[in-house]
Amino acid sequence: MAYDSGDNSIVIVGGANMKWDTILDDKFTSKIRNAKVLLMQREIPEEVNIQCAKVARENDTLTILDMGGRDDPLSQELIALCDIISPN
């Protein structure tokens, strides 16, 4: 939500993004297969980003990782699957 002053307001539900299944279903992966770009962020488990990036790589989908969300180091596996890594 943006205010007339230009300030924004953010609602955070801590831990909500960590409730992912680590097995992605066909409906979800088909969206990645048909996309031109996959934008990932670090507020979800890294294993999920890796799985998504693998699907993207197999289908020539550009992968971008936004570094926002966590401060811990990235795995070499995820780095290798990203076309662009964007600082937050």
PDB file of N, CA and C in Angstrom:
ATOM      1  N   MET A   1       0.843  -1.161   0.000  1.00  0.00           N
ATOM      2  CA  MET A   1       0.000   0.000   0.000  1.00  0.00           C
ATOM      3  C   MET A   1       0.895   1.232   0.000  1.00  0.00           C
ATOM      4  N   ALA A   2       0.606   2.193  -0.839  1.00  0.00           N
ATOM      5  CA  ALA A   2       1.367   3.442  -0.869  1.00  0.00           C
ATOM      6  C   ALA A   2       0.487   4.573  -0.366  1.00  0.00           C
ATOM      7  N   TYR A   3       1.090   5.443   0.397  1.00  0.00           N
ATOM      8  CA  TYR A   3       0.394   6.616   0.894  1.00  0.00           C
ATOM      9  C   TYR A   3       0.632   7.793  -0.050  1.00  0.00           C
ATOM     10  N   ASP A   4      -0.204   8.823   0.045  1.00  0.00           N
ATOM     11  CA  ASP A   4      -0.044  10.012  -0.791  1.00  0.00           C
ATOM     12  C   ASP A   4       1.341  10.638  -0.619  1.00  0.00           C
ATOM     13  N   SER A   5       1.940  10.479   0.540  1.00  0.00           N
ATOM     14  CA  SER A   5       3.265  11.033   0.809  1.00  0.00           C
ATOM     15  C   SER A   5       4.370  10.275   0.084  1.00  0.00           C
ATOM     16  N   GLY A   6       4.037   9.102  -0.481  1.00  0.00           N
ATOM     17  CA  GLY A   6       5.039   8.283  -1.160  1.00  0.00           C
ATOM     18  C   GLY A   6       5.579   7.167  -0.282  1.00  0.00           C
ATOM     19  N   ASP A   7       5.296   7.216   1.022  1.00  0.00           N
ATOM     20  CA  ASP A   7       5.721   6.141   1.918  1.00  0.00           C
ATOM     21  C   ASP A   7       4.914   4.894   1.618  1.00  0.00           C
ATOM     22  N   ASN A   8       5.479   3.743   1.953  1.00  0.00           N
ATOM     23  CA  ASN A   8       4.723   2.511   1.767  1.00  0.00           C
ATOM     24  C   ASN A   8       4.510   1.814   3.107  1.00  0.00           C
ATOM     25  N   SER A   9       3.621   0.857   3.096  1.00  0.00           N
ATOM     26  CA  SER A   9       3.306   0.085   4.288  1.00  0.00           C
ATOM     27  C   SER A   9       3.399  -1.387   3.906  1.00  0.00           C
ATOM     28  N   ILE A  10       4.101  -2.163   4.703  1.00  0.00           N
ATOM     29  CA  ILE A  10       4.308  -3.568   4.398  1.00  0.00           C
ATOM     30  C   ILE A  10       3.785  -4.410   5.552  1.00  0.00           C
ATOM     31  N   VAL A  11       3.032  -5.448   5.241  1.00  0.00           N
ATOM     32  CA  VAL A  11       2.549  -6.392   6.242  1.00  0.00           C
ATOM     33  C   VAL A  11       3.394  -7.653   6.131  1.00  0.00           C
ATOM     34  N   ILE A  12       3.932  -8.118   7.232  1.00  0.00           N
ATOM     35  CA  ILE A  12       4.776  -9.314   7.238  1.00  0.00           C
ATOM     36  C   ILE A  12       4.116 -10.392   8.081  1.00  0.00           C
ATOM     37  N   VAL A  13       4.005 -11.583   7.511  1.00  0.00           N
ATOM     38  CA  VAL A  13       3.560 -12.759   8.246  1.00  0.00           C
ATOM     39  C   VAL A  13       4.776 -13.670   8.310  1.00  0.00           C
ATOM     40  N   GLY A  14       5.518 -13.558   9.384  1.00  0.00           N
ATOM     41  CA  GLY A  14       6.775 -14.277   9.530  1.00  0.00           C
ATOM     42  C   GLY A  14       6.636 -15.783   9.348  1.00  0.00           C
ATOM     43  N   GLY A  15       7.499 -16.341   8.506  1.00  0.00           N
ATOM     44  CA  GLY A  15       7.535 -17.775   8.289  1.00  0.00           C
ATOM     45  C   GLY A  15       6.566 -18.299   7.250  1.00  0.00           C
ATOM     46  N   ALA A  16       5.660 -17.464   6.744  1.00  0.00           N
ATOM     47  CA  ALA A  16       4.645 -17.938   5.792  1.00  0.00           C
ATOM     48  C   ALA A  16       5.263 -18.510   4.520  1.00  0.00           C
ATOM     49  N   ASN A  17       6.334 -17.908   4.040  1.00  0.00           N
ATOM     50  CA  ASN A  17       6.953 -18.381   2.805  1.00  0.00           C
ATOM     51  C   ASN A  17       7.759 -19.662   2.987  1.00  0.00           C
ATOM     52  N   MET A  18       7.951 -20.095   4.214  1.00  0.00           N
ATOM     53  CA  MET A  18       8.715 -21.323   4.454  1.00  0.00           C
ATOM     54  C   MET A  18       7.812 -22.560   4.464  1.00  0.00           C
ATOM     55  N   LYS A  19       6.541 -22.398   4.176  1.00  0.00           N
ATOM     56  CA  LYS A  19       5.586 -23.506   4.213  1.00  0.00           C
ATOM     57  C   LYS A  19       5.461 -24.203   2.855  1.00  0.00           C
ATOM     58  N   TRP A  20       6.487 -24.173   2.038  1.00  0.00           N
ATOM     59  CA  TRP A  20       6.467 -24.802   0.716  1.00  0.00           C
ATOM     60  C   TRP A  20       6.682 -26.300   0.828  1.00  0.00           C
ATOM     61  N   ASP A  21       6.019 -27.046  -0.048  1.00  0.00           N
ATOM     62  CA  ASP A  21       6.388 -28.441  -0.232  1.00  0.00           C
ATOM     63  C   ASP A  21       7.682 -28.441  -1.028  1.00  0.00           C
ATOM     64  N   THR A  22       8.550 -29.399  -0.774  1.00  0.00           N
ATOM     65  CA  THR A  22       9.801 -29.429  -1.525  1.00  0.00           C
ATOM     66  C   THR A  22       9.654 -30.185  -2.838  1.00  0.00           C
ATOM     67  N   ILE A  23       8.493 -30.761  -3.090  1.00  0.00           N
ATOM     68  CA  ILE A  23       8.206 -31.396  -4.376  1.00  0.00           C
ATOM     69  C   ILE A  23       7.207 -30.503  -5.106  1.00  0.00           C
ATOM     70  N   LEU A  24       7.613 -30.007  -6.254  1.00  0.00           N
ATOM     71  CA  LEU A  24       6.747 -29.122  -7.031  1.00  0.00           C
ATOM     72  C   LEU A  24       5.845 -29.951  -7.928  1.00  0.00           C
ATOM     73  N   ASP A  25       4.559 -29.613  -7.973  1.00  0.00           N
ATOM     74  CA  ASP A  25       3.628 -30.379  -8.802  1.00  0.00           C
ATOM     75  C   ASP A  25       3.683 -29.918 -10.259  1.00  0.00           C
ATOM     76  N   ASP A  26       3.058 -30.704 -11.141  1.00  0.00           N
ATOM     77  CA  ASP A  26       3.082 -30.422 -12.576  1.00  0.00           C
ATOM     78  C   ASP A  26       2.432 -29.092 -12.928  1.00  0.00           C
ATOM     79  N   LYS A  27       1.379 -28.735 -12.233  1.00  0.00           N
ATOM     80  CA  LYS A  27       0.704 -27.468 -12.510  1.00  0.00           C
ATOM     81  C   LYS A  27       1.659 -26.296 -12.275  1.00  0.00           C
ATOM     82  N   PHE A  28       2.412 -26.376 -11.194  1.00  0.00           N
ATOM     83  CA  PHE A  28       3.356 -25.315 -10.866  1.00  0.00           C
ATOM     84  C   PHE A  28       4.511 -25.287 -11.860  1.00  0.00           C
ATOM     85  N   THR A  29       5.110 -26.448 -12.136  1.00  0.00           N
ATOM     86  CA  THR A  29       6.259 -26.476 -13.046  1.00  0.00           C
ATOM     87  C   THR A  29       5.869 -26.130 -14.476  1.00  0.00           C
ATOM     88  N   SER A  30       4.630 -26.401 -14.871  1.00  0.00           N
ATOM     89  CA  SER A  30       4.212 -26.037 -16.230  1.00  0.00           C
ATOM     90  C   SER A  30       4.199 -24.518 -16.400  1.00  0.00           C
ATOM     91  N   LYS A  31       3.905 -23.787 -15.342  1.00  0.00           N
ATOM     92  CA  LYS A  31       3.953 -22.318 -15.394  1.00  0.00           C
ATOM     93  C   LYS A  31       5.382 -21.850 -15.666  1.00  0.00           C
ATOM     94  N   ILE A  32       6.352 -22.503 -15.039  1.00  0.00           N
ATOM     95  CA  ILE A  32       7.749 -22.139 -15.262  1.00  0.00           C
ATOM     96  C   ILE A  32       8.158 -22.508 -16.690  1.00  0.00           C
ATOM     97  N   ARG A  33       7.765 -23.685 -17.144  1.00  0.00           N
ATOM     98  CA  ARG A  33       8.119 -24.125 -18.503  1.00  0.00           C
ATOM     99  C   ARG A  33       7.615 -23.161 -19.572  1.00  0.00           C
ATOM    100  N   ASN A  34       6.491 -22.531 -19.326  1.00  0.00           N
ATOM    101  CA  ASN A  34       5.893 -21.627 -20.308  1.00  0.00           C
ATOM    102  C   ASN A  34       6.300 -20.169 -20.122  1.00  0.00           C
ATOM    103  N   ALA A  35       7.115 -19.895 -19.122  1.00  0.00           N
ATOM    104  CA  ALA A  35       7.526 -18.517 -18.839  1.00  0.00           C
ATOM    105  C   ALA A  35       8.785 -18.146 -19.621  1.00  0.00           C
ATOM    106  N   LYS A  36       8.944 -16.875 -19.856  1.00  0.00           N
ATOM    107  CA  LYS A  36      10.173 -16.366 -20.465  1.00  0.00           C
ATOM    108  C   LYS A  36      11.201 -16.019 -19.396  1.00  0.00           C
ATOM    109  N   VAL A  37      10.699 -15.635 -18.199  1.00  0.00           N
ATOM    110  CA  VAL A  37      11.570 -15.227 -17.098  1.00  0.00           C
ATOM    111  C   VAL A  37      11.038 -15.813 -15.797  1.00  0.00           C
ATOM    112  N   LEU A  38      11.941 -16.298 -14.961  1.00  0.00           N
ATOM    113  CA  LEU A  38      11.601 -16.751 -13.612  1.00  0.00           C
ATOM    114  C   LEU A  38      12.319 -15.841 -12.630  1.00  0.00           C
ATOM    115  N   LEU A  39      11.565 -15.103 -11.820  1.00  0.00           N
ATOM    116  CA  LEU A  39      12.131 -14.234 -10.788  1.00  0.00           C
ATOM    117  C   LEU A  39      11.960 -14.931  -9.446  1.00  0.00           C
ATOM    118  N   MET A  40      13.083 -15.214  -8.810  1.00  0.00           N
ATOM    119  CA  MET A  40      13.070 -15.891  -7.509  1.00  0.00           C
ATOM    120  C   MET A  40      13.546 -14.914  -6.442  1.00  0.00           C
ATOM    121  N   GLN A  41      13.192 -15.211  -5.192  1.00  0.00           N
ATOM    122  CA  GLN A  41      13.673 -14.433  -4.057  1.00  0.00           C
ATOM    123  C   GLN A  41      13.993 -15.406  -2.931  1.00  0.00           C
ATOM    124  N   ARG A  42      14.703 -14.937  -1.949  1.00  0.00           N
ATOM    125  CA  ARG A  42      15.236 -15.822  -0.923  1.00  0.00           C
ATOM    126  C   ARG A  42      14.344 -15.961   0.296  1.00  0.00           C
ATOM    127  N   GLU A  43      13.099 -15.559   0.190  1.00  0.00           N
ATOM    128  CA  GLU A  43      12.189 -15.717   1.329  1.00  0.00           C
ATOM    129  C   GLU A  43      11.520 -17.088   1.333  1.00  0.00           C
ATOM    130  N   ILE A  44      11.822 -17.906   0.345  1.00  0.00           N
ATOM    131  CA  ILE A  44      11.335 -19.281   0.323  1.00  0.00           C
ATOM    132  C   ILE A  44      12.556 -20.199   0.453  1.00  0.00           C
ATOM    133  N   PRO A  45      12.364 -21.460   0.796  1.00  0.00           N
ATOM    134  CA  PRO A  45      13.513 -22.351   0.976  1.00  0.00           C
ATOM    135  C   PRO A  45      14.370 -22.457  -0.290  1.00  0.00           C
ATOM    136  N   GLU A  46      15.668 -22.498  -0.093  1.00  0.00           N
ATOM    137  CA  GLU A  46      16.589 -22.582  -1.226  1.00  0.00           C
ATOM    138  C   GLU A  46      16.338 -23.825  -2.078  1.00  0.00           C
ATOM    139  N   GLU A  47      15.930 -24.929  -1.454  1.00  0.00           N
ATOM    140  CA  GLU A  47      15.655 -26.157  -2.231  1.00  0.00           C
ATOM    141  C   GLU A  47      14.557 -25.909  -3.265  1.00  0.00           C
ATOM    142  N   VAL A  48      13.579 -25.092  -2.916  1.00  0.00           N
ATOM    143  CA  VAL A  48      12.488 -24.778  -3.837  1.00  0.00           C
ATOM    144  C   VAL A  48      13.018 -23.923  -4.989  1.00  0.00           C
ATOM    145  N   ASN A  49      13.841 -22.924  -4.676  1.00  0.00           N
ATOM    146  CA  ASN A  49      14.446 -22.117  -5.732  1.00  0.00           C
ATOM    147  C   ASN A  49      15.286 -22.975  -6.669  1.00  0.00           C
ATOM    148  N   ILE A  50      16.028 -23.914  -6.119  1.00  0.00           N
ATOM    149  CA  ILE A  50      16.862 -24.795  -6.947  1.00  0.00           C
ATOM    150  C   ILE A  50      15.989 -25.615  -7.884  1.00  0.00           C
ATOM    151  N   GLN A  51      14.919 -26.201  -7.352  1.00  0.00           N
ATOM    152  CA  GLN A  51      14.024 -26.997  -8.204  1.00  0.00           C
ATOM    153  C   GLN A  51      13.410 -26.146  -9.308  1.00  0.00           C
ATOM    154  N   CYS A  52      12.970 -24.947  -8.954  1.00  0.00           N
ATOM    155  CA  CYS A  52      12.376 -24.050  -9.950  1.00  0.00           C
ATOM    156  C   CYS A  52      13.404 -23.658 -11.006  1.00  0.00           C
ATOM    157  N   ALA A  53      14.613 -23.336 -10.564  1.00  0.00           N
ATOM    158  CA  ALA A  53      15.663 -22.928 -11.490  1.00  0.00           C
ATOM    159  C   ALA A  53      16.062 -24.075 -12.425  1.00  0.00           C
ATOM    160  N   LYS A  54      16.025 -25.304 -11.931  1.00  0.00           N
ATOM    161  CA  LYS A  54      16.322 -26.455 -12.800  1.00  0.00           C
ATOM    162  C   LYS A  54      15.288 -26.600 -13.902  1.00  0.00           C
ATOM    163  N   VAL A  55      14.025 -26.434 -13.547  1.00  0.00           N
ATOM    164  CA  VAL A  55      12.951 -26.496 -14.552  1.00  0.00           C
ATOM    165  C   VAL A  55      13.150 -25.378 -15.568  1.00  0.00           C
ATOM    166  N   ALA A  56      13.455 -24.188 -15.073  1.00  0.00           N
ATOM    167  CA  ALA A  56      13.674 -23.043 -15.960  1.00  0.00           C
ATOM    168  C   ALA A  56      14.847 -23.300 -16.904  1.00  0.00           C
ATOM    169  N   ARG A  57      15.935 -23.800 -16.382  1.00  0.00           N
ATOM    170  CA  ARG A  57      17.132 -24.056 -17.187  1.00  0.00           C
ATOM    171  C   ARG A  57      16.836 -25.074 -18.292  1.00  0.00           C
ATOM    172  N   GLU A  58      16.078 -26.106 -17.960  1.00  0.00           N
ATOM    173  CA  GLU A  58      15.720 -27.135 -18.951  1.00  0.00           C
ATOM    174  C   GLU A  58      14.855 -26.590 -20.080  1.00  0.00           C
ATOM    175  N   ASN A  59      14.218 -25.437 -19.845  1.00  0.00           N
ATOM    176  CA  ASN A  59      13.281 -24.886 -20.819  1.00  0.00           C
ATOM    177  C   ASN A  59      13.710 -23.512 -21.334  1.00  0.00           C
ATOM    178  N   ASP A  60      14.998 -23.194 -21.188  1.00  0.00           N
ATOM    179  CA  ASP A  60      15.554 -21.925 -21.679  1.00  0.00           C
ATOM    180  C   ASP A  60      14.836 -20.701 -21.134  1.00  0.00           C
ATOM    181  N   THR A  61      14.376 -20.790 -19.894  1.00  0.00           N
ATOM    182  CA  THR A  61      13.740 -19.664 -19.215  1.00  0.00           C
ATOM    183  C   THR A  61      14.824 -18.891 -18.468  1.00  0.00           C
ATOM    184  N   LEU A  62      14.876 -17.595 -18.657  1.00  0.00           N
ATOM    185  CA  LEU A  62      15.835 -16.745 -17.970  1.00  0.00           C
ATOM    186  C   LEU A  62      15.555 -16.785 -16.475  1.00  0.00           C
ATOM    187  N   THR A  63      16.608 -16.959 -15.653  1.00  0.00           N
ATOM    188  CA  THR A  63      16.431 -17.007 -14.200  1.00  0.00           C
ATOM    189  C   THR A  63      17.097 -15.808 -13.549  1.00  0.00           C
ATOM    190  N   ILE A  64      16.328 -15.144 -12.674  1.00  0.00           N
ATOM    191  CA  ILE A  64      16.822 -14.002 -11.917  1.00  0.00           C
ATOM    192  C   ILE A  64      16.577 -14.293 -10.444  1.00  0.00           C
ATOM    193  N   LEU A  65      17.606 -14.102  -9.643  1.00  0.00           N
ATOM    194  CA  LEU A  65      17.462 -14.274  -8.199  1.00  0.00           C
ATOM    195  C   LEU A  65      17.646 -12.928  -7.518  1.00  0.00           C
ATOM    196  N   ASP A  66      16.605 -12.455  -6.844  1.00  0.00           N
ATOM    197  CA  ASP A  66      16.668 -11.257  -6.008  1.00  0.00           C
ATOM    198  C   ASP A  66      17.214 -11.704  -4.658  1.00  0.00           C
ATOM    199  N   MET A  67      18.267 -11.071  -4.198  1.00  0.00           N
ATOM    200  CA  MET A  67      18.942 -11.505  -2.972  1.00  0.00           C
ATOM    201  C   MET A  67      18.183 -11.173  -1.692  1.00  0.00           C
ATOM    202  N   GLY A  68      17.090 -10.440  -1.786  1.00  0.00           N
ATOM    203  CA  GLY A  68      16.340 -10.076  -0.589  1.00  0.00           C
ATOM    204  C   GLY A  68      15.723 -11.276   0.099  1.00  0.00           C
ATOM    205  N   GLY A  69      15.683 -11.226   1.409  1.00  0.00           N
ATOM    206  CA  GLY A  69      14.989 -12.251   2.176  1.00  0.00           C
ATOM    207  C   GLY A  69      15.838 -12.947   3.205  1.00  0.00           C
ATOM    208  N   ARG A  70      17.102 -13.194   2.867  1.00  0.00           N
ATOM    209  CA  ARG A  70      18.000 -13.871   3.809  1.00  0.00           C
ATOM    210  C   ARG A  70      19.420 -13.367   3.593  1.00  0.00           C
ATOM    211  N   ASP A  71      20.241 -13.533   4.605  1.00  0.00           N
ATOM    212  CA  ASP A  71      21.627 -13.087   4.522  1.00  0.00           C
ATOM    213  C   ASP A  71      22.629 -14.235   4.453  1.00  0.00           C
ATOM    214  N   ASP A  72      22.176 -15.477   4.606  1.00  0.00           N
ATOM    215  CA  ASP A  72      23.110 -16.592   4.599  1.00  0.00           C
ATOM    216  C   ASP A  72      23.668 -16.804   3.191  1.00  0.00           C
ATOM    217  N   PRO A  73      24.814 -17.463   3.075  1.00  0.00           N
ATOM    218  CA  PRO A  73      25.449 -17.653   1.766  1.00  0.00           C
ATOM    219  C   PRO A  73      24.579 -18.488   0.822  1.00  0.00           C
ATOM    220  N   LEU A  74      24.717 -18.204  -0.467  1.00  0.00           N
ATOM    221  CA  LEU A  74      24.046 -18.997  -1.500  1.00  0.00           C
ATOM    222  C   LEU A  74      24.829 -20.275  -1.746  1.00  0.00           C
ATOM    223  N   SER A  75      24.130 -21.331  -2.107  1.00  0.00           N
ATOM    224  CA  SER A  75      24.820 -22.557  -2.488  1.00  0.00           C
ATOM    225  C   SER A  75      25.392 -22.395  -3.893  1.00  0.00           C
ATOM    226  N   GLN A  76      26.463 -23.083  -4.167  1.00  0.00           N
ATOM    227  CA  GLN A  76      27.055 -23.065  -5.509  1.00  0.00           C
ATOM    228  C   GLN A  76      26.078 -23.623  -6.540  1.00  0.00           C
ATOM    229  N   GLU A  77      25.239 -24.563  -6.113  1.00  0.00           N
ATOM    230  CA  GLU A  77      24.254 -25.137  -7.026  1.00  0.00           C
ATOM    231  C   GLU A  77      23.268 -24.074  -7.521  1.00  0.00           C
ATOM    232  N   LEU A  78      22.760 -23.256  -6.605  1.00  0.00           N
ATOM    233  CA  LEU A  78      21.811 -22.219  -7.003  1.00  0.00           C
ATOM    234  C   LEU A  78      22.506 -21.150  -7.835  1.00  0.00           C
ATOM    235  N   ILE A  79      23.707 -20.752  -7.446  1.00  0.00           N
ATOM    236  CA  ILE A  79      24.446 -19.749  -8.221  1.00  0.00           C
ATOM    237  C   ILE A  79      24.599 -20.211  -9.669  1.00  0.00           C
ATOM    238  N   ALA A  80      24.942 -21.470  -9.863  1.00  0.00           N
ATOM    239  CA  ALA A  80      25.154 -22.002 -11.210  1.00  0.00           C
ATOM    240  C   ALA A  80      23.882 -22.015 -12.056  1.00  0.00           C
ATOM    241  N   LEU A  81      22.731 -22.021 -11.405  1.00  0.00           N
ATOM    242  CA  LEU A  81      21.448 -22.084 -12.122  1.00  0.00           C
ATOM    243  C   LEU A  81      20.863 -20.706 -12.415  1.00  0.00           C
ATOM    244  N   CYS A  82      21.502 -19.645 -11.908  1.00  0.00           N
ATOM    245  CA  CYS A  82      20.964 -18.295 -12.084  1.00  0.00           C
ATOM    246  C   CYS A  82      21.665 -17.578 -13.242  1.00  0.00           C
ATOM    247  N   ASP A  83      20.877 -16.948 -14.078  1.00  0.00           N
ATOM    248  CA  ASP A  83      21.436 -16.131 -15.140  1.00  0.00           C
ATOM    249  C   ASP A  83      21.806 -14.754 -14.605  1.00  0.00           C
ATOM    250  N   ILE A  84      20.979 -14.215 -13.707  1.00  0.00           N
ATOM    251  CA  ILE A  84      21.212 -12.889 -13.126  1.00  0.00           C
ATOM    252  C   ILE A  84      20.967 -12.986 -11.624  1.00  0.00           C
ATOM    253  N   ILE A  85      21.899 -12.425 -10.843  1.00  0.00           N
ATOM    254  CA  ILE A  85      21.716 -12.322  -9.391  1.00  0.00           C
ATOM    255  C   ILE A  85      21.665 -10.827  -9.076  1.00  0.00           C
ATOM    256  N   SER A  86      20.539 -10.396  -8.509  1.00  0.00           N
ATOM    257  CA  SER A  86      20.293  -8.984  -8.255  1.00  0.00           C
ATOM    258  C   SER A  86      20.398  -8.684  -6.761  1.00  0.00           C
ATOM    259  N   PRO A  87      21.246  -7.728  -6.392  1.00  0.00           N
ATOM    260  CA  PRO A  87      21.276  -7.351  -4.971  1.00  0.00           C
ATOM    261  C   PRO A  87      19.953  -6.707  -4.588  1.00  0.00           C
ATOM    262  N   ASN A  88      19.589  -6.831  -3.346  1.00  0.00           N
ATOM    263  CA  ASN A  88      18.307  -6.287  -2.884  1.00  0.00           C
ATOM    264  C   ASN A  88      18.381  -4.786  -2.758  1.00  0.00           C
TER     265      ASN A  88
END
